[in-house]
Protein backbone atom coordinates (compact mmCIF):
# COMPACT_ATOMS: atom_id res chain seq x y z
CA MET A 1 -10.04 -11.98 -7.18
CA PHE A 2 -7.60 -14.27 -5.36
CA LYS A 3 -8.28 -13.91 -1.63
CA ARG A 4 -6.29 -14.55 1.53
CA SER A 5 -8.59 -17.49 2.34
CA ASP A 6 -7.60 -19.03 -1.02
CA LEU A 7 -3.93 -18.56 -0.13
CA GLU A 8 -4.45 -20.25 3.24
CA ALA A 9 -6.29 -23.20 1.66
CA LEU A 10 -3.46 -23.75 -0.83
CA ALA A 11 -0.73 -23.30 1.77
CA ASN A 12 -2.34 -25.92 4.02
CA ILE A 13 -2.45 -28.70 1.41
CA LYS A 14 -0.89 -31.78 2.94
CA ALA A 15 -1.04 -34.18 -0.03
CA ALA A 16 1.45 -33.91 -2.89
CA PRO A 17 1.62 -33.50 -5.79
CA VAL A 18 0.09 -30.07 -6.26
CA VAL A 19 -0.42 -28.89 -9.83
CA SER A 20 -0.32 -25.15 -10.61
CA ILE A 21 -1.19 -23.94 -14.10
CA TYR A 22 -1.03 -20.35 -15.33
CA LEU A 23 -2.34 -19.28 -18.72
CA PRO A 24 -2.66 -15.92 -20.50
CA THR A 25 -6.28 -15.53 -21.60
CA HIS A 26 -8.38 -13.15 -23.68
CA GLU A 27 -11.48 -11.20 -22.73
CA LYS A 28 -12.87 -10.99 -26.28
CA GLY A 29 -12.09 -11.48 -29.94
CA ARG A 30 -11.06 -14.45 -32.02
CA GLU A 31 -8.11 -15.08 -29.72
CA ILE A 32 -10.55 -16.61 -27.21
CA ARG A 33 -10.44 -19.79 -29.30
CA GLN A 34 -6.75 -20.21 -28.46
CA ASP A 35 -7.33 -20.36 -24.70
CA PRO A 36 -8.92 -23.84 -24.37
CA ILE A 37 -6.24 -25.22 -26.70
CA ARG A 38 -3.58 -23.77 -24.40
CA LEU A 39 -5.21 -25.45 -21.41
CA LYS A 40 -5.46 -28.79 -23.24
CA ASN A 41 -1.75 -28.64 -24.09
CA ALA A 42 -0.83 -27.60 -20.54
CA LEU A 43 -2.76 -30.55 -19.09
CA GLN A 44 -0.98 -32.90 -21.47
CA THR A 45 2.39 -31.55 -20.30
CA VAL A 46 1.38 -31.97 -16.65
CA ALA A 47 0.12 -35.50 -17.26
CA GLU A 48 3.49 -36.45 -18.80
CA ARG A 49 5.38 -35.01 -15.83
CA LEU A 50 3.16 -36.88 -13.37
CA ALA A 51 3.67 -40.12 -15.31
CA GLU A 52 7.44 -39.62 -15.29
CA ALA A 53 7.24 -39.15 -11.51
CA GLY A 54 5.62 -42.57 -11.17
CA HIS A 55 1.93 -41.74 -10.82
CA ARG A 56 -0.53 -44.20 -12.35
CA PRO A 57 -2.90 -43.20 -15.19
CA PRO A 58 -6.09 -43.45 -13.04
CA GLU A 59 -4.54 -41.17 -10.41
CA ILE A 60 -3.49 -38.64 -13.04
CA GLU A 61 -6.91 -38.70 -14.70
CA ALA A 62 -8.72 -38.14 -11.37
CA LEU A 63 -6.39 -35.30 -10.36
CA LEU A 64 -6.73 -33.40 -13.64
CA ALA A 65 -10.42 -34.14 -14.30
CA PRO A 66 -11.83 -30.80 -12.98
CA ALA A 67 -9.51 -28.82 -15.25
CA GLN A 68 -10.06 -31.20 -18.17
CA ALA A 69 -13.79 -30.50 -17.95
CA LEU A 70 -13.11 -26.81 -18.61
CA VAL A 71 -11.51 -27.45 -22.01
CA ASP A 72 -14.88 -27.93 -23.74
CA ASP A 73 -16.85 -25.48 -21.57
CA GLU A 74 -17.65 -22.72 -24.08
CA VAL A 75 -19.43 -20.53 -21.52
CA PHE A 76 -16.38 -20.63 -19.22
CA TRP A 77 -14.10 -19.26 -21.92
CA ARG A 78 -16.44 -16.38 -22.79
CA TYR A 79 -15.89 -14.77 -19.41
CA GLN A 80 -12.17 -14.50 -18.82
CA GLY A 81 -9.79 -11.84 -17.59
CA LEU A 82 -6.19 -11.30 -18.61
CA GLY A 83 -4.99 -14.53 -17.04
CA LEU A 84 -6.14 -17.81 -15.52
CA ALA A 85 -4.74 -19.75 -12.56
CA LEU A 86 -5.69 -23.36 -11.79
CA PHE A 87 -4.64 -25.38 -8.74
CA MET A 88 -5.20 -29.11 -8.31
CA ALA A 89 -4.42 -31.53 -5.52
CA GLU A 90 -6.16 -34.49 -3.97
CA GLY A 91 -9.52 -33.17 -2.75
CA LEU A 92 -8.90 -29.60 -3.98
CA PHE A 93 -9.52 -27.65 -7.17
CA GLN A 94 -9.35 -23.86 -7.46
CA GLN A 95 -9.81 -21.74 -10.57
CA HIS A 96 -9.18 -17.99 -10.60
CA ARG A 97 -9.74 -15.49 -13.38
CA LEU A 98 -6.94 -12.96 -13.05
CA PRO A 99 -6.95 -9.21 -13.73
CA ILE A 100 -3.22 -9.36 -14.51
CA GLU A 101 -1.22 -10.84 -17.37
CA VAL A 102 0.72 -14.00 -16.57
CA ARG A 103 3.07 -16.09 -18.66
CA GLU A 104 2.21 -19.69 -19.50
CA LEU A 105 3.53 -21.92 -16.73
CA GLN A 106 2.96 -25.41 -15.32
CA VAL A 107 4.47 -26.41 -11.97
CA VAL A 108 4.17 -29.83 -10.32
CA GLY A 109 5.53 -29.94 -6.79
CA PRO A 110 4.89 -30.40 -3.09
CA ARG A 111 2.95 -27.12 -2.80
CA ALA A 112 1.05 -24.61 -4.91
CA HIS A 113 3.15 -22.17 -6.93
CA LEU A 114 1.85 -18.70 -6.03
CA LYS A 115 4.58 -16.23 -6.97
CA PRO A 116 2.84 -15.03 -10.17
CA LEU A 117 0.01 -13.84 -7.89
CA LEU A 118 2.23 -11.65 -5.71
CA PRO A 119 1.06 -8.43 -7.40
CA LEU A 120 -2.43 -9.28 -6.10
CA LEU A 121 -1.28 -10.37 -2.64
CA ALA A 122 1.46 -7.90 -1.77
CA ARG A 123 0.48 -5.38 0.88
CA ASP A 124 1.61 -2.43 -1.23
CA GLY A 125 -1.32 -2.96 -3.57
CA ARG A 126 -4.27 -3.94 -1.36
CA PHE A 127 -6.94 -1.54 -0.21
CA TYR A 128 -10.66 -1.29 0.49
CA VAL A 129 -13.35 0.93 -0.97
CA LEU A 130 -16.58 1.94 0.75
CA THR A 131 -19.28 3.49 -1.43
CA THR A 132 -22.22 4.96 0.42
CA THR A 133 -25.33 7.05 -0.18
CA ALA A 134 -28.47 7.59 1.87
CA HIS A 135 -29.95 4.53 0.18
CA GLU A 136 -27.19 1.93 -0.25
CA SER A 137 -23.63 1.04 0.72
CA HIS A 138 -21.10 -1.43 -0.66
CA LEU A 139 -17.64 -2.58 0.44
CA TYR A 140 -14.95 -3.62 -2.04
CA GLU A 141 -11.48 -5.14 -1.79
CA GLY A 142 -9.14 -3.72 -4.39
CA SER A 143 -5.73 -3.87 -5.97
CA ARG A 144 -4.28 -1.73 -8.72
CA PHE A 145 -5.78 -4.24 -11.16
CA ALA A 146 -9.36 -4.80 -10.02
CA LEU A 147 -12.10 -4.29 -7.44
CA ARG A 148 -14.12 -7.13 -5.94
CA ARG A 149 -17.37 -6.46 -4.09
CA LEU A 150 -17.35 -8.16 -0.70
CA ASP A 151 -20.34 -10.01 0.68
CA ALA A 152 -20.50 -7.75 3.73
CA ASP A 153 -23.62 -7.29 5.84
CA LEU A 154 -23.93 -3.52 5.57
CA PRO A 155 -27.06 -1.49 6.42
CA GLN A 156 -28.69 -0.49 3.14
CA GLY A 157 -29.92 3.04 3.62
CA VAL A 158 -31.44 5.40 6.13
CA GLU A 159 -34.87 3.86 5.64
CA ALA A 160 -33.77 0.52 7.12
CA ILE A 161 -32.27 2.17 10.22
CA ALA A 162 -35.28 4.47 10.64
CA ALA A 163 -37.66 1.52 10.39
CA ARG A 164 -35.69 -0.37 13.01
CA THR A 165 -35.64 2.68 15.29
CA ASP A 166 -39.40 3.18 14.88
CA TYR A 167 -40.04 -0.48 15.68
CA GLU A 168 -37.82 -0.45 18.76
CA GLY A 169 -39.40 2.82 19.88
CA GLY A 170 -42.89 1.39 19.48
CA ALA A 171 -41.94 -1.78 21.33
CA HIS A 172 -40.87 0.27 24.36
CA ALA A 173 -43.54 2.95 24.20
CA ALA A 174 -45.98 3.66 27.02
CA PRO A 175 -49.28 1.71 27.00
CA PRO A 176 -52.02 3.36 24.90
CA ALA A 177 -54.18 4.02 27.99
CA ARG A 178 -51.54 6.20 29.58
CA PRO A 179 -52.69 9.84 29.32
CA ARG A 180 -50.53 12.26 27.39
CA VAL A 181 -49.23 15.40 29.04
CA ALA A 182 -50.21 18.50 27.14
CA PRO A 183 -47.29 20.67 26.10
CA SER A 184 -46.67 23.81 28.11
CA VAL A 185 -47.66 27.09 26.60
CA GLY A 186 -44.79 28.51 24.59
CA MET A 187 -42.90 25.20 24.38
CA PRO A 188 -41.14 24.91 20.99
CA ALA A 189 -42.66 22.38 18.60
CA SER A 190 -39.36 20.46 18.49
CA GLN A 191 -39.68 19.84 22.23
CA ALA A 192 -43.41 19.16 22.23
CA PHE A 193 -43.61 16.87 19.23
CA GLY A 194 -40.02 15.75 18.65
CA GLU A 195 -37.42 16.99 16.20
CA ALA A 196 -38.30 19.13 13.23
CA PRO A 197 -38.30 17.16 9.93
CA GLU A 198 -34.90 18.45 8.74
CA GLU A 199 -33.26 17.75 12.09
CA GLN A 200 -34.92 14.36 12.18
CA ARG A 201 -33.57 13.55 8.71
CA LYS A 202 -30.05 14.51 9.73
CA SER A 203 -30.31 12.57 12.99
CA GLN A 204 -31.47 9.44 11.18
CA PHE A 205 -28.72 9.83 8.59
CA VAL A 206 -25.98 10.09 11.24
CA ASP A 207 -27.50 7.13 13.06
CA HIS A 208 -27.34 5.18 9.80
CA LEU A 209 -23.66 6.08 9.39
CA ARG A 210 -22.89 4.87 12.95
CA HIS A 211 -24.45 1.51 12.12
CA LEU A 212 -22.50 1.49 8.84
CA GLN A 213 -19.23 2.20 10.65
CA ALA A 214 -19.80 -0.72 13.00
CA ALA A 215 -20.64 -3.07 10.11
CA VAL A 216 -17.53 -2.04 8.12
CA ARG A 217 -15.34 -2.47 11.20
CA ASP A 218 -16.67 -6.01 11.64
CA ALA A 219 -16.17 -6.79 7.94
CA LEU A 220 -12.55 -5.62 7.97
CA GLY A 221 -11.78 -7.66 11.07
CA GLY A 222 -8.88 -5.46 12.14
CA ASP A 223 -7.22 -5.32 8.70
CA GLN A 224 -5.38 -2.01 8.44
CA ALA A 225 -5.21 -1.79 4.64
CA PRO A 226 -6.37 1.72 3.68
CA LEU A 227 -10.08 2.32 3.20
CA VAL A 228 -11.15 4.83 0.53
CA LEU A 229 -14.53 6.47 1.07
CA VAL A 230 -16.57 7.26 -2.05
CA ALA A 231 -19.49 9.51 -1.15
CA ALA A 232 -20.99 12.96 -1.63
CA PRO A 233 -19.27 15.77 0.36
CA GLU A 234 -21.94 15.88 3.08
CA SER A 235 -21.72 12.12 3.62
CA GLN A 236 -17.91 12.32 3.67
CA GLY A 237 -17.94 14.77 6.55
CA HIS A 238 -20.56 12.97 8.64
CA PHE A 239 -18.95 9.53 8.16
CA ARG A 240 -15.47 10.75 9.04
CA ALA A 241 -16.90 12.19 12.25
CA VAL A 242 -18.04 8.72 13.34
CA ALA A 243 -15.31 6.64 11.65
CA GLY A 244 -13.50 5.84 14.89
CA ASP A 245 -10.56 3.49 14.33
CA LEU A 246 -11.34 2.60 10.72
CA PRO A 247 -8.20 2.95 8.52
CA LEU A 248 -9.73 5.71 6.38
CA ALA A 249 -7.49 7.25 3.73
CA GLU A 250 -7.07 10.97 4.38
CA GLU A 251 -8.56 11.77 1.02
CA GLY A 252 -11.73 10.28 -0.37
CA VAL A 253 -13.55 10.44 -3.67
CA GLN A 254 -16.17 13.13 -3.23
CA THR A 255 -18.91 12.20 -5.65
CA ASP A 256 -22.08 10.17 -5.90
CA PRO A 257 -20.88 6.54 -6.34
CA ALA A 258 -23.68 5.94 -8.85
CA SER A 259 -21.96 8.36 -11.24
CA LEU A 260 -18.93 6.06 -11.63
CA ASP A 261 -18.73 2.86 -13.65
CA GLY A 262 -16.44 0.01 -12.53
CA ASP A 263 -13.34 1.21 -14.37
CA GLU A 264 -13.76 4.79 -13.14
CA LEU A 265 -14.27 3.62 -9.56
CA LEU A 266 -11.03 1.64 -9.68
CA GLU A 267 -9.08 4.45 -11.35
CA ARG A 268 -10.18 7.15 -8.92
CA THR A 269 -9.81 5.10 -5.75
CA TYR A 270 -6.41 3.68 -6.65
CA ALA A 271 -5.23 7.22 -7.40
CA VAL A 272 -5.98 8.02 -3.73
CA VAL A 273 -3.87 5.20 -2.28
CA ARG A 274 -1.10 4.96 -4.86
CA PRO A 275 1.13 7.74 -3.44
CA GLY A 276 1.00 6.13 -0.01
CA PHE A 277 1.91 2.72 -1.42
CA GLU A 278 4.84 4.13 -3.35
CA LYS A 279 6.09 6.06 -0.33
CA ALA A 280 5.83 2.98 1.92
CA ARG A 281 7.73 0.87 -0.61
CA GLU A 282 10.49 3.48 -0.90
CA GLU A 283 10.71 3.70 2.89
CA ASP A 284 11.04 -0.09 3.18
CA VAL A 285 13.83 -0.13 0.58
CA GLY A 286 15.58 2.71 2.42
CA HIS A 287 15.16 0.90 5.74
CA PHE A 288 16.72 -2.25 4.31
CA LYS A 289 19.72 -0.35 2.96
CA ALA A 290 20.23 1.42 6.29
CA LEU A 291 20.09 -1.86 8.21
CA LYS A 292 22.47 -3.46 5.72
CA ALA A 293 24.95 -0.62 6.12
CA ASP A 294 24.67 -0.90 9.90
CA ASP A 295 25.57 -4.60 9.61
CA GLY A 296 23.55 -5.53 12.67
CA GLY A 297 22.24 -8.75 11.20
CA ARG A 298 18.65 -7.67 10.54
CA ALA A 299 19.11 -7.18 6.77
CA SER A 300 19.86 -10.43 4.98
CA THR A 301 20.70 -11.23 1.36
CA LYS A 302 21.62 -14.88 1.98
CA PRO A 303 19.02 -17.15 0.31
CA ASP A 304 19.25 -19.94 2.89
CA GLU A 305 18.94 -17.49 5.80
CA VAL A 306 16.00 -15.62 4.26
CA VAL A 307 14.07 -18.79 3.39
CA SER A 308 14.61 -20.21 6.88
CA ALA A 309 13.57 -16.93 8.50
CA ALA A 310 10.41 -16.79 6.37
CA VAL A 311 9.39 -20.35 7.28
CA PHE A 312 9.86 -19.69 10.99
CA GLY A 313 8.11 -16.32 11.01
CA ARG A 314 11.14 -14.05 11.39
CA VAL A 315 10.70 -11.98 8.20
CA ASP A 316 9.24 -8.51 8.62
CA THR A 317 9.65 -7.38 4.98
CA LEU A 318 10.57 -9.54 2.01
CA PHE A 319 11.79 -8.30 -1.38
CA VAL A 320 11.43 -10.75 -4.28
CA ALA A 321 12.60 -10.24 -7.87
CA ARG A 322 9.81 -10.67 -10.38
CA GLY A 323 10.40 -13.24 -13.11
CA ARG A 324 13.12 -15.06 -11.15
CA ASN A 325 13.00 -18.57 -9.65
CA MET A 326 15.13 -20.37 -7.07
CA TRP A 327 14.39 -24.09 -7.33
CA GLY A 328 15.11 -26.25 -4.35
CA ARG A 329 13.69 -27.64 -1.13
CA PHE A 330 13.80 -26.65 2.50
CA ASP A 331 14.42 -29.31 5.15
CA GLU A 332 12.55 -27.81 8.10
CA ALA A 333 13.79 -30.42 10.60
CA ALA A 334 17.43 -29.74 9.72
CA ASN A 335 16.78 -26.02 8.98
CA LYS A 336 18.68 -26.39 5.73
CA VAL A 337 18.12 -25.23 2.14
CA HIS A 338 18.98 -27.59 -0.72
CA LEU A 339 19.29 -25.74 -4.02
CA GLU A 340 18.53 -27.43 -7.33
CA GLY A 341 19.50 -26.22 -10.77
CA GLU A 342 16.04 -26.73 -12.25
CA GLU A 343 12.48 -27.71 -11.42
CA THR A 344 12.45 -31.36 -10.37
CA GLY A 345 8.98 -31.84 -8.88
CA GLU A 346 10.47 -32.85 -5.53
CA GLY A 347 11.13 -29.35 -4.29
CA GLY A 348 9.72 -26.12 -5.61
CA ASP A 349 10.43 -22.43 -6.02
CA LEU A 350 11.96 -21.28 -2.75
CA LEU A 351 11.13 -17.66 -3.58
CA ASP A 352 7.50 -18.74 -3.72
CA LEU A 353 7.82 -20.54 -0.37
CA ALA A 354 9.42 -17.51 1.30
CA ALA A 355 6.75 -15.13 -0.03
CA THR A 356 3.83 -17.37 0.98
CA LYS A 357 5.14 -17.96 4.49
CA THR A 358 5.86 -14.26 4.97
CA LEU A 359 2.35 -13.25 3.93
CA LEU A 360 0.66 -15.89 6.09
CA GLN A 361 2.63 -14.77 9.13
CA GLY A 362 1.83 -11.08 8.83
CA GLY A 363 4.92 -9.86 7.00
CA LYS A 364 5.11 -7.55 4.00
CA VAL A 365 6.15 -8.66 0.52
CA HIS A 366 7.37 -6.42 -2.30
CA ALA A 367 7.63 -8.01 -5.75
CA LEU A 368 10.06 -5.76 -7.64
CA ALA A 369 11.68 -5.68 -11.04
CA PRO A 370 15.21 -7.15 -10.71
CA GLU A 371 16.79 -3.74 -11.37
CA ASP A 372 14.74 -2.20 -8.52
CA MET A 373 15.82 -4.75 -5.89
CA PRO A 374 17.69 -3.16 -2.96
CA SER A 375 20.48 -5.74 -3.34
CA GLU A 376 21.78 -8.19 -5.90
CA GLY A 377 20.16 -11.59 -6.02
CA PRO A 378 16.59 -12.86 -6.27
CA LEU A 379 15.53 -12.09 -2.69
CA CYS A 380 16.47 -10.22 0.46
CA ALA A 381 14.69 -9.40 3.69
CA ILE A 382 14.38 -7.27 6.79
CA LEU A 383 14.29 -9.67 9.73
CA ARG A 384 12.21 -9.16 12.85
CA TYR A 385 15.07 -10.36 15.03
């Protein structure tokens, strides 16, 4: 799955040109054979554009070589999703199998073209999933399209915590020669010899969940995207009691995670967060319309103003029309937008620029169907000031 770190790497490319290629792909069937042919044709188109822009054949060959190597890689094409995204620049090559359908597209410009990935990046579709049992725990990042298991350092079961506790207890125990004090007559066994087995089991389990909570908090790093807990009812209650400031969704999935396959896990967890996402999106649209009616300057539909505000970190919420483009370039020094009628290779898609800058600077982005936009035009925004 495309990650924020991937977005940051692409946004920080200093050397142009940057080549972005999107292809629809197939997960199985005879249609798989079409996919490498599509890539070969796309690379030919890109090579022609680069040549027209004045780049020499050796430069073009070196830039496209990593993608060219994929054309004849049979194993690579056997394991595809619904789409493929490739990004190439001097010293950089990224390939991403996509869980969403994309249309065939090649863009050569001063920066990576990321707008087709907005459904994966927009805040109204990102969430986390924590699956936990007494024996193992896993953390996932999710969208409405897919789940990706994170490489998080989570404690794997009560046994690991109990072993650590026993070791630490032994390391600090009294020397063997120290005489033991006999229990008083009538003292309960739990006081004389420690907790009863059932109480000890529960204590170790809660201790495990405290360690798990701390590990999840560190893995999230302050991200407030909702976290869906998938666990048996008893585990749900105990974990929520120690969850602290984790952004737990009010509802969880109360079942043994082992009983769900990948598709079922995605379906049931997204069903938990979907109403909240839809409500938040509707509230943002309503907020924009109210600000626009108030005419206080914080709701903008002017392309040059919105793009400038996005670049300089003034956009709180951006609305972008899916399937639309606004070709041009932004002169940051002059704070001026120059619109172009078509893709030229010198500028880029300004909707893409506005969305990327907004995401990197902590704003929200909603990619909507044109008919669902809160105003006419390809973009509009709620400004921070």
